[in-house]
Amino acid sequence: MTTKGQVTIPRAIREKLGIVPSTEVDFVEENGRVYLVKKAGPATRKHTFSKLRGVATVNMTTDEIMALTRGDG
């Protein structure tokens, strides 16, 4: 634990629980023990973006979009 009260969650636990940056967790005290609990709420970032798949309505080719992003067009 840091002086600011921050803790590091081991990689194996993060992977098992699906904890990624921006995931909210709670610490629950029960009978003298403390448990880390992943908060229910918005899904992970991957799921959030998958909901948007196919939503764009721009009538441009990939090459045209890439040219715009690169400043070529």
N, C-alpha and C. Protein backbone atom coordinates (compact mmCIF):
# COMPACT_ATOMS: atom_id res chain seq x y z
N MET A 1 0.85 -1.17 0.00
CA MET A 1 0.00 0.00 0.00
C MET A 1 0.90 1.23 0.00
N THR A 2 0.49 2.23 -0.80
CA THR A 2 1.26 3.47 -0.86
C THR A 2 0.83 4.40 0.27
N THR A 3 1.56 5.48 0.44
CA THR A 3 1.21 6.46 1.47
C THR A 3 -0.13 7.14 1.17
N LYS A 4 -0.57 7.06 -0.10
CA LYS A 4 -1.87 7.63 -0.48
C LYS A 4 -3.01 6.62 -0.32
N GLY A 5 -2.69 5.42 0.16
CA GLY A 5 -3.72 4.41 0.35
C GLY A 5 -4.03 3.61 -0.91
N GLN A 6 -3.18 3.71 -1.90
CA GLN A 6 -3.41 2.97 -3.14
C GLN A 6 -2.80 1.58 -3.03
N VAL A 7 -3.48 0.61 -3.63
CA VAL A 7 -2.97 -0.77 -3.62
C VAL A 7 -2.79 -1.25 -5.05
N THR A 8 -1.90 -2.19 -5.23
CA THR A 8 -1.68 -2.79 -6.54
C THR A 8 -2.40 -4.13 -6.55
N ILE A 9 -3.24 -4.33 -7.57
CA ILE A 9 -3.96 -5.59 -7.73
C ILE A 9 -3.10 -6.47 -8.63
N PRO A 10 -2.72 -7.65 -8.16
CA PRO A 10 -1.87 -8.52 -8.96
C PRO A 10 -2.50 -8.83 -10.33
N ARG A 11 -1.64 -8.97 -11.34
CA ARG A 11 -2.09 -9.21 -12.72
C ARG A 11 -3.05 -10.39 -12.81
N ALA A 12 -2.74 -11.50 -12.16
CA ALA A 12 -3.58 -12.70 -12.26
C ALA A 12 -5.00 -12.41 -11.78
N ILE A 13 -5.12 -11.61 -10.72
CA ILE A 13 -6.44 -11.26 -10.19
C ILE A 13 -7.15 -10.33 -11.16
N ARG A 14 -6.43 -9.32 -11.69
CA ARG A 14 -7.04 -8.39 -12.66
C ARG A 14 -7.56 -9.15 -13.87
N GLU A 15 -6.77 -10.09 -14.37
CA GLU A 15 -7.18 -10.86 -15.55
C GLU A 15 -8.37 -11.75 -15.23
N LYS A 16 -8.35 -12.39 -14.09
CA LYS A 16 -9.44 -13.29 -13.70
C LYS A 16 -10.76 -12.53 -13.55
N LEU A 17 -10.70 -11.32 -12.99
CA LEU A 17 -11.91 -10.53 -12.76
C LEU A 17 -12.26 -9.60 -13.92
N GLY A 18 -11.37 -9.54 -14.92
CA GLY A 18 -11.63 -8.65 -16.05
C GLY A 18 -11.49 -7.18 -15.68
N ILE A 19 -10.58 -6.89 -14.77
CA ILE A 19 -10.36 -5.51 -14.33
C ILE A 19 -9.37 -4.85 -15.28
N VAL A 20 -9.82 -3.79 -15.94
CA VAL A 20 -9.00 -3.02 -16.88
C VAL A 20 -9.01 -1.57 -16.40
N PRO A 21 -8.13 -0.72 -16.96
CA PRO A 21 -8.17 0.69 -16.56
C PRO A 21 -9.59 1.25 -16.67
N SER A 22 -9.99 2.02 -15.70
CA SER A 22 -11.31 2.65 -15.57
C SER A 22 -12.37 1.73 -14.97
N THR A 23 -12.02 0.47 -14.69
CA THR A 23 -12.97 -0.41 -14.01
C THR A 23 -13.10 0.07 -12.58
N GLU A 24 -14.31 0.16 -12.09
CA GLU A 24 -14.52 0.59 -10.71
C GLU A 24 -14.64 -0.63 -9.82
N VAL A 25 -14.01 -0.54 -8.64
CA VAL A 25 -14.06 -1.62 -7.66
C VAL A 25 -14.43 -1.04 -6.31
N ASP A 26 -14.93 -1.89 -5.45
CA ASP A 26 -15.23 -1.53 -4.06
C ASP A 26 -14.43 -2.43 -3.16
N PHE A 27 -14.14 -1.92 -1.97
CA PHE A 27 -13.55 -2.73 -0.92
C PHE A 27 -14.65 -2.93 0.11
N VAL A 28 -14.99 -4.18 0.37
CA VAL A 28 -16.08 -4.50 1.28
C VAL A 28 -15.49 -5.18 2.51
N GLU A 29 -15.83 -4.66 3.69
CA GLU A 29 -15.36 -5.26 4.95
C GLU A 29 -16.46 -6.15 5.49
N GLU A 30 -16.07 -7.37 5.86
CA GLU A 30 -17.03 -8.33 6.38
C GLU A 30 -16.34 -9.22 7.40
N ASN A 31 -16.78 -9.16 8.63
CA ASN A 31 -16.23 -9.99 9.71
C ASN A 31 -14.71 -9.85 9.83
N GLY A 32 -14.20 -8.63 9.76
CA GLY A 32 -12.78 -8.39 9.93
C GLY A 32 -11.93 -8.67 8.71
N ARG A 33 -12.54 -9.03 7.60
CA ARG A 33 -11.82 -9.26 6.35
C ARG A 33 -12.25 -8.23 5.33
N VAL A 34 -11.35 -7.92 4.40
CA VAL A 34 -11.66 -6.95 3.36
C VAL A 34 -11.64 -7.68 2.02
N TYR A 35 -12.68 -7.46 1.23
CA TYR A 35 -12.81 -8.11 -0.08
C TYR A 35 -12.83 -7.04 -1.17
N LEU A 36 -12.19 -7.36 -2.27
CA LEU A 36 -12.22 -6.50 -3.45
C LEU A 36 -13.37 -7.01 -4.32
N VAL A 37 -14.28 -6.10 -4.67
CA VAL A 37 -15.45 -6.47 -5.45
C VAL A 37 -15.54 -5.56 -6.67
N LYS A 38 -15.62 -6.15 -7.84
CA LYS A 38 -15.78 -5.38 -9.06
C LYS A 38 -17.20 -4.81 -9.07
N LYS A 39 -17.30 -3.48 -9.24
CA LYS A 39 -18.61 -2.84 -9.25
C LYS A 39 -19.40 -3.23 -10.48
N ALA A 40 -20.67 -3.40 -10.30
CA ALA A 40 -21.55 -3.62 -11.44
C ALA A 40 -21.73 -2.27 -12.12
N GLY A 41 -21.86 -2.27 -13.40
CA GLY A 41 -22.02 -1.00 -14.10
C GLY A 41 -21.67 -1.17 -15.55
N PRO A 42 -21.28 -0.07 -16.17
CA PRO A 42 -20.94 -0.14 -17.59
C PRO A 42 -19.89 -1.21 -17.84
N ALA A 43 -20.05 -1.89 -18.94
CA ALA A 43 -19.13 -2.97 -19.28
C ALA A 43 -17.75 -2.43 -19.63
N THR A 44 -16.86 -3.33 -19.88
CA THR A 44 -15.50 -2.93 -20.20
C THR A 44 -15.44 -2.11 -21.47
N ARG A 45 -14.34 -1.46 -21.67
CA ARG A 45 -14.15 -0.60 -22.84
C ARG A 45 -14.38 -1.37 -24.14
N LYS A 46 -13.91 -2.60 -24.20
CA LYS A 46 -14.05 -3.41 -25.41
C LYS A 46 -15.53 -3.56 -25.76
N HIS A 47 -16.36 -3.89 -24.78
CA HIS A 47 -17.79 -4.05 -25.01
C HIS A 47 -18.44 -2.72 -25.40
N THR A 48 -18.01 -1.65 -24.78
CA THR A 48 -18.56 -0.34 -25.08
C THR A 48 -18.37 0.01 -26.54
N PHE A 49 -17.19 -0.21 -27.07
CA PHE A 49 -16.92 0.12 -28.46
C PHE A 49 -17.60 -0.87 -29.41
N SER A 50 -17.77 -2.11 -28.99
CA SER A 50 -18.40 -3.08 -29.89
C SER A 50 -19.85 -2.70 -30.17
N LYS A 51 -20.50 -1.98 -29.24
CA LYS A 51 -21.87 -1.52 -29.46
C LYS A 51 -21.93 -0.51 -30.60
N LEU A 52 -20.82 0.18 -30.86
CA LEU A 52 -20.80 1.21 -31.88
C LEU A 52 -20.41 0.68 -33.26
N ARG A 53 -20.03 -0.57 -33.34
CA ARG A 53 -19.60 -1.15 -34.61
C ARG A 53 -20.69 -1.00 -35.66
N GLY A 54 -20.32 -0.46 -36.81
CA GLY A 54 -21.26 -0.31 -37.90
C GLY A 54 -22.18 0.89 -37.81
N VAL A 55 -21.93 1.79 -36.87
CA VAL A 55 -22.81 2.94 -36.67
C VAL A 55 -22.44 4.12 -37.57
N ALA A 56 -21.20 4.21 -37.98
CA ALA A 56 -20.76 5.35 -38.78
C ALA A 56 -21.56 5.44 -40.08
N THR A 57 -21.85 6.67 -40.48
CA THR A 57 -22.66 6.86 -41.68
C THR A 57 -21.92 7.66 -42.74
N VAL A 58 -20.61 7.79 -42.60
CA VAL A 58 -19.82 8.55 -43.56
C VAL A 58 -19.69 7.73 -44.85
N ASN A 59 -19.99 8.36 -45.98
CA ASN A 59 -19.89 7.67 -47.26
C ASN A 59 -18.53 7.93 -47.90
N MET A 60 -17.49 7.42 -47.22
CA MET A 60 -16.12 7.58 -47.71
C MET A 60 -15.44 6.23 -47.69
N THR A 61 -14.48 6.06 -48.56
CA THR A 61 -13.70 4.83 -48.55
C THR A 61 -12.67 4.90 -47.43
N THR A 62 -12.13 3.77 -47.09
CA THR A 62 -11.08 3.73 -46.07
C THR A 62 -9.90 4.60 -46.49
N ASP A 63 -9.52 4.55 -47.76
CA ASP A 63 -8.40 5.35 -48.25
C ASP A 63 -8.69 6.86 -48.08
N GLU A 64 -9.92 7.27 -48.34
CA GLU A 64 -10.28 8.69 -48.19
C GLU A 64 -10.22 9.11 -46.72
N ILE A 65 -10.70 8.26 -45.86
CA ILE A 65 -10.65 8.57 -44.41
C ILE A 65 -9.20 8.64 -43.93
N MET A 66 -8.37 7.69 -44.38
CA MET A 66 -6.96 7.69 -43.99
C MET A 66 -6.26 8.94 -44.49
N ALA A 67 -6.57 9.38 -45.69
CA ALA A 67 -5.97 10.61 -46.24
C ALA A 67 -6.35 11.81 -45.37
N LEU A 68 -7.59 11.86 -44.91
CA LEU A 68 -8.01 12.96 -44.04
C LEU A 68 -7.28 12.93 -42.71
N THR A 69 -7.15 11.73 -42.14
CA THR A 69 -6.48 11.63 -40.85
C THR A 69 -5.00 11.97 -40.93
N ARG A 70 -4.41 11.68 -42.04
CA ARG A 70 -2.99 11.97 -42.24
C ARG A 70 -2.75 13.40 -42.71
N GLY A 71 -3.83 14.09 -43.07
CA GLY A 71 -3.67 15.46 -43.56
C GLY A 71 -3.32 15.51 -45.03
N ASP A 72 -3.54 14.42 -45.77
CA ASP A 72 -3.23 14.37 -47.19
C ASP A 72 -4.34 14.95 -48.07
N GLY A 73 -5.53 15.13 -47.50
CA GLY A 73 -6.63 15.51 -48.37
C GLY A 73 -7.41 16.62 -47.89
